[in-house]
C-alpha atoms as a PDB file:
ATOM      1  CA  MET A   1     -41.837   5.337 -37.225  1.00  0.00           C
ATOM      2  CA  LYS A   2     -39.298   7.383 -35.296  1.00  0.00           C
ATOM      3  CA  ARG A   3     -35.716   6.100 -35.200  1.00  0.00           C
ATOM      4  CA  THR A   4     -33.326   6.849 -32.363  1.00  0.00           C
ATOM      5  CA  LEU A   5     -29.619   6.192 -32.086  1.00  0.00           C
ATOM      6  CA  ARG A   6     -28.513   3.947 -29.318  1.00  0.00           C
ATOM      7  CA  PRO A   7     -26.154   5.582 -26.799  1.00  0.00           C
ATOM      8  CA  ARG A   8     -23.082   3.722 -28.079  1.00  0.00           C
ATOM      9  CA  ALA A   9     -23.860   4.577 -31.705  1.00  0.00           C
ATOM     10  CA  ALA A  10     -24.381   8.216 -30.729  1.00  0.00           C
ATOM     11  CA  ARG A  11     -20.991   8.319 -28.982  1.00  0.00           C
ATOM     12  CA  LEU A  12     -19.270   6.761 -32.004  1.00  0.00           C
ATOM     13  CA  PHE A  13     -20.920   9.353 -34.241  1.00  0.00           C
ATOM     14  CA  LEU A  14     -19.663  12.195 -32.028  1.00  0.00           C
ATOM     15  CA  VAL A  15     -16.133  10.767 -32.001  1.00  0.00           C
ATOM     16  CA  ALA A  16     -16.198  10.519 -35.804  1.00  0.00           C
ATOM     17  CA  VAL A  17     -17.352  14.137 -36.102  1.00  0.00           C
ATOM     18  CA  ALA A  18     -14.592  15.271 -33.711  1.00  0.00           C
ATOM     19  CA  LEU A  19     -11.942  13.383 -35.705  1.00  0.00           C
ATOM     20  CA  LEU A  20     -13.177  14.932 -38.940  1.00  0.00           C
ATOM     21  CA  ALA A  21     -12.991  18.370 -37.334  1.00  0.00           C
ATOM     22  CA  LEU A  22      -9.403  17.734 -36.252  1.00  0.00           C
ATOM     23  CA  ALA A  23      -8.501  16.418 -39.679  1.00  0.00           C
ATOM     24  CA  GLY A  24      -9.997  19.540 -41.170  1.00  0.00           C
ATOM     25  CA  CYS A  25      -7.686  21.893 -39.281  1.00  0.00           C
ATOM     26  CA  LYS A  26      -6.359  24.308 -41.848  1.00  0.00           C
ATOM     27  CA  GLY A  27      -3.074  22.990 -43.188  1.00  0.00           C
ATOM     28  CA  ALA A  28      -2.688  20.209 -40.590  1.00  0.00           C
ATOM     29  CA  THR A  29      -0.214  17.476 -41.539  1.00  0.00           C
ATOM     30  CA  ASP A  30      -0.523  13.911 -40.271  1.00  0.00           C
ATOM     31  CA  ILE A  31       2.123  13.210 -37.636  1.00  0.00           C
ATOM     32  CA  LYS A  32       2.859   9.888 -39.350  1.00  0.00           C
ATOM     33  CA  LYS A  33       3.772  11.796 -42.524  1.00  0.00           C
ATOM     34  CA  LEU A  34       6.243  13.951 -40.566  1.00  0.00           C
ATOM     35  CA  LEU A  35       7.843  10.947 -38.874  1.00  0.00           C
ATOM     36  CA  ASP A  36       7.973   8.843 -42.057  1.00  0.00           C
ATOM     37  CA  ASN A  37      10.048  11.489 -43.878  1.00  0.00           C
ATOM     38  CA  PRO A  38      11.680  13.730 -41.248  1.00  0.00           C
ATOM     39  CA  ALA A  39      14.364  15.112 -43.587  1.00  0.00           C
ATOM     40  CA  ALA A  40      11.681  16.707 -45.782  1.00  0.00           C
ATOM     41  CA  TYR A  41      10.327  18.722 -42.833  1.00  0.00           C
ATOM     42  CA  GLU A  42      13.503  19.466 -40.841  1.00  0.00           C
ATOM     43  CA  GLY A  43      13.536  23.124 -39.760  1.00  0.00           C
ATOM     44  CA  LYS A  44      10.261  23.857 -41.543  1.00  0.00           C
ATOM     45  CA  THR A  45       7.071  25.281 -40.068  1.00  0.00           C
ATOM     46  CA  VAL A  46       4.419  22.563 -39.719  1.00  0.00           C
ATOM     47  CA  ARG A  47       0.861  22.383 -38.387  1.00  0.00           C
ATOM     48  CA  VAL A  48      -0.552  19.387 -36.528  1.00  0.00           C
ATOM     49  CA  ALA A  49      -3.738  18.794 -34.544  1.00  0.00           C
ATOM     50  CA  GLY A  50      -4.785  16.162 -32.065  1.00  0.00           C
ATOM     51  CA  THR A  51      -5.303  15.181 -28.453  1.00  0.00           C
ATOM     52  CA  VAL A  52      -2.841  16.099 -25.709  1.00  0.00           C
ATOM     53  CA  LYS A  53      -1.471  13.036 -23.909  1.00  0.00           C
ATOM     54  CA  ASP A  54       1.451  13.391 -21.485  1.00  0.00           C
ATOM     55  CA  THR A  55       2.183  16.897 -20.178  1.00  0.00           C
ATOM     56  CA  ALA A  56       4.758  18.626 -18.015  1.00  0.00           C
ATOM     57  CA  GLY A  57       5.239  22.309 -17.417  1.00  0.00           C
ATOM     58  CA  ILE A  58       6.737  24.863 -15.097  1.00  0.00           C
ATOM     59  CA  LEU A  59       6.960  28.661 -15.166  1.00  0.00           C
ATOM     60  CA  ASN A  60       5.264  29.051 -18.574  1.00  0.00           C
ATOM     61  CA  TYR A  61       7.542  26.440 -20.218  1.00  0.00           C
ATOM     62  CA  GLY A  62       6.184  23.044 -21.108  1.00  0.00           C
ATOM     63  CA  VAL A  63       6.321  19.865 -23.101  1.00  0.00           C
ATOM     64  CA  PHE A  64       3.454  17.624 -24.126  1.00  0.00           C
ATOM     65  CA  THR A  65       2.753  14.709 -26.433  1.00  0.00           C
ATOM     66  CA  LEU A  66       0.247  15.261 -29.234  1.00  0.00           C
ATOM     67  CA  ASP A  67      -1.609  12.268 -30.736  1.00  0.00           C
ATOM     68  CA  ASP A  68      -3.531  12.710 -34.002  1.00  0.00           C
ATOM     69  CA  GLY A  69      -4.466   9.053 -34.480  1.00  0.00           C
ATOM     70  CA  THR A  70      -1.675   8.493 -37.028  1.00  0.00           C
ATOM     71  CA  GLY A  71       1.190   8.979 -34.572  1.00  0.00           C
ATOM     72  CA  THR A  72       2.501  10.975 -31.634  1.00  0.00           C
ATOM     73  CA  ILE A  73       5.026  13.787 -31.385  1.00  0.00           C
ATOM     74  CA  ALA A  74       6.511  15.866 -28.579  1.00  0.00           C
ATOM     75  CA  VAL A  75       5.662  19.573 -28.567  1.00  0.00           C
ATOM     76  CA  ILE A  76       7.949  22.002 -26.748  1.00  0.00           C
ATOM     77  CA  THR A  77       6.520  25.350 -25.712  1.00  0.00           C
ATOM     78  CA  LYS A  78       8.248  28.374 -24.211  1.00  0.00           C
ATOM     79  CA  VAL A  79       5.115  30.483 -23.736  1.00  0.00           C
ATOM     80  CA  GLY A  80       1.836  29.526 -22.123  1.00  0.00           C
ATOM     81  CA  GLY A  81       2.912  26.215 -20.617  1.00  0.00           C
ATOM     82  CA  ALA A  82       1.487  22.820 -21.488  1.00  0.00           C
ATOM     83  CA  PRO A  83      -2.262  22.297 -21.988  1.00  0.00           C
ATOM     84  CA  ARG A  84      -4.145  19.759 -19.868  1.00  0.00           C
ATOM     85  CA  GLU A  85      -4.211  16.084 -20.824  1.00  0.00           C
ATOM     86  CA  GLY A  86      -7.162  15.272 -23.072  1.00  0.00           C
ATOM     87  CA  ALA A  87      -7.372  18.772 -24.578  1.00  0.00           C
ATOM     88  CA  LYS A  88      -7.867  18.972 -28.348  1.00  0.00           C
ATOM     89  CA  VAL A  89      -5.359  21.427 -29.801  1.00  0.00           C
ATOM     90  CA  GLY A  90      -3.836  22.555 -33.057  1.00  0.00           C
ATOM     91  CA  VAL A  91      -0.155  23.502 -33.017  1.00  0.00           C
ATOM     92  CA  GLU A  92       2.092  25.368 -35.406  1.00  0.00           C
ATOM     93  CA  GLY A  93       5.838  25.304 -34.986  1.00  0.00           C
ATOM     94  CA  THR A  94       9.257  24.309 -36.239  1.00  0.00           C
ATOM     95  CA  PHE A  95       9.833  20.596 -36.848  1.00  0.00           C
ATOM     96  CA  ARG A  96      13.055  19.161 -35.384  1.00  0.00           C
ATOM     97  CA  SER A  97      14.150  15.574 -35.915  1.00  0.00           C
ATOM     98  CA  ALA A  98      16.587  14.197 -33.338  1.00  0.00           C
ATOM     99  CA  PHE A  99      17.293  10.780 -34.892  1.00  0.00           C
ATOM    100  CA  THR A 100      15.829   7.712 -36.567  1.00  0.00           C
ATOM    101  CA  LEU A 101      16.690   4.228 -35.328  1.00  0.00           C
ATOM    102  CA  GLY A 102      15.097   1.388 -37.271  1.00  0.00           C
ATOM    103  CA  THR A 103      11.391   2.167 -37.484  1.00  0.00           C
ATOM    104  CA  LYS A 104      11.406   4.775 -34.684  1.00  0.00           C
ATOM    105  CA  THR A 105      11.906   8.486 -35.340  1.00  0.00           C
ATOM    106  CA  VAL A 106      12.378  10.796 -32.371  1.00  0.00           C
ATOM    107  CA  ALA A 107      11.291  14.326 -33.201  1.00  0.00           C
ATOM    108  CA  ALA A 108       9.666  17.392 -31.682  1.00  0.00           C
ATOM    109  CA  ILE A 109       7.886  20.561 -32.698  1.00  0.00           C
ATOM    110  CA  GLU A 110       8.994  23.875 -31.203  1.00  0.00           C
ATOM    111  CA  GLU A 111       5.598  25.541 -30.806  1.00  0.00           C
ATOM    112  CA  THR A 112       5.018  29.077 -32.064  1.00  0.00           C
ATOM    113  CA  LYS A 113       1.180  29.106 -32.128  1.00  0.00           C
ATOM    114  CA  ARG A 114      -1.607  27.054 -30.545  1.00  0.00           C
ATOM    115  CA  HIS A 115      -5.366  26.954 -30.763  1.00  0.00           C
ATOM    116  CA  THR A 116      -7.839  24.777 -28.917  1.00  0.00           C
ATOM    117  CA  GLU A 117     -10.559  22.821 -30.646  1.00  0.00           C
END
């Protein structure tokens, strides 16, 4: 007897595979880990991977929000502009924490390298 996956189950499987691929980015750190302990990463080079959410860019400069499923962080880029919303990217750059207020940490990554998934 031949088994087939239903369309919804097939989509869930593909999403799970994509998330595992993102999690497997070489050296990627969970955004939640960065935001939970910003002092440990301040000024250090970090790697994160996820889905691009909000974007803005002009004349090769840009800013976008990256969501890895554990949290979101702003990424500032001075070369190449911001990628399109929904793109899957990996980013390497310098972690900068602006401030923590209660349970909210505001931080950004100054991008030095990017690759698309």
